[in-house]
Protein backbone atom coordinates (compact mmCIF):
# COMPACT_ATOMS: atom_id res chain seq x y z
CA MET A 1 82.35 117.21 129.25
CA ARG A 2 85.58 116.09 126.53
CA VAL A 3 87.82 113.41 127.96
CA THR A 4 91.01 114.52 128.20
CA GLU A 5 93.81 112.18 128.12
CA ALA A 6 95.00 113.26 131.76
CA GLN A 7 91.92 111.43 132.48
CA PHE A 8 92.90 108.18 131.70
CA ALA A 9 97.31 108.35 132.71
CA ALA A 10 96.70 106.39 136.28
CA ILE A 11 95.10 104.04 133.97
CA ASP A 12 97.46 104.57 131.25
CA ALA A 13 100.20 103.10 134.27
CA LEU A 14 97.74 100.82 135.71
CA ILE A 15 97.79 98.98 132.45
CA ALA A 16 101.12 99.25 131.46
CA GLU A 17 102.33 97.95 134.91
CA ALA A 18 99.54 94.49 134.20
CA GLU A 19 102.02 94.14 131.13
CA GLU A 20 105.08 94.14 131.69
CA ALA A 21 103.98 91.25 135.13
CA ALA A 22 102.87 89.43 132.21
CA ALA A 23 105.85 89.48 131.08
CA ALA A 24 106.98 87.98 133.39
CA LEU A 25 104.88 84.75 133.16
CA PRO A 26 105.49 81.43 131.78
CA PRO A 27 102.71 80.32 128.37
CA LEU A 28 98.81 79.21 130.30
CA PRO A 29 99.30 75.47 129.07
CA GLY A 30 97.45 74.25 126.08
CA SER A 31 98.82 77.86 124.54
CA ALA A 32 100.29 78.26 121.07
CA ASP A 33 100.42 81.80 119.44
CA GLY A 34 98.78 81.17 116.48
CA ALA A 35 96.63 79.08 117.83
CA LEU A 36 93.28 80.75 117.30
CA THR A 37 89.94 79.62 116.66
CA GLU A 38 87.85 81.33 114.50
CA GLU A 39 85.84 82.97 116.92
CA GLU A 40 88.76 84.56 119.30
CA ARG A 41 89.63 86.40 116.23
CA ARG A 42 86.50 87.61 115.82
CA GLU A 43 87.24 88.35 119.71
CA VAL A 44 89.83 89.80 119.56
CA ARG A 45 89.02 91.71 116.39
CA ALA A 46 86.35 93.60 118.06
CA ALA A 47 87.97 94.80 121.02
CA MET A 48 90.53 96.45 118.93
CA ASP A 49 87.56 98.02 117.16
CA LEU A 50 86.61 99.65 120.74
CA VAL A 51 90.09 100.59 121.13
CA HIS A 52 90.53 102.02 118.35
CA GLY A 53 88.08 103.15 116.78
CA ALA A 54 86.72 101.78 113.20
CA ASP A 55 88.83 104.16 111.89
CA GLY A 56 92.07 102.91 113.91
CA PRO A 57 94.54 99.93 112.99
CA ASN A 58 92.26 98.09 113.07
CA GLY A 59 89.04 99.62 111.44
CA PRO A 60 87.49 98.97 107.61
CA GLY A 61 91.09 98.52 105.39
CA GLY A 62 93.84 98.85 108.61
CA ARG A 63 93.66 94.49 108.43
CA PRO A 64 95.38 93.30 105.99
CA GLY A 65 93.10 91.56 103.39
CA ALA A 66 90.82 94.44 104.22
CA ALA A 67 88.11 95.95 101.70
CA VAL A 68 89.57 99.49 101.14
């Protein structure tokens, strides 16, 4: 079965709506931009690789300082 963009249109709309709602919320207590632990950075990187694929912007060569 071939996956098309149209199949994800409802999900994309839901994500956009959630991001808009989240932008209006105050930051969580105790959270600071750029204050991720190394483990959290690895988890974020792994999630981004799942979303964009290994050759996406976070794949090999896509990260600042990554070996090419």
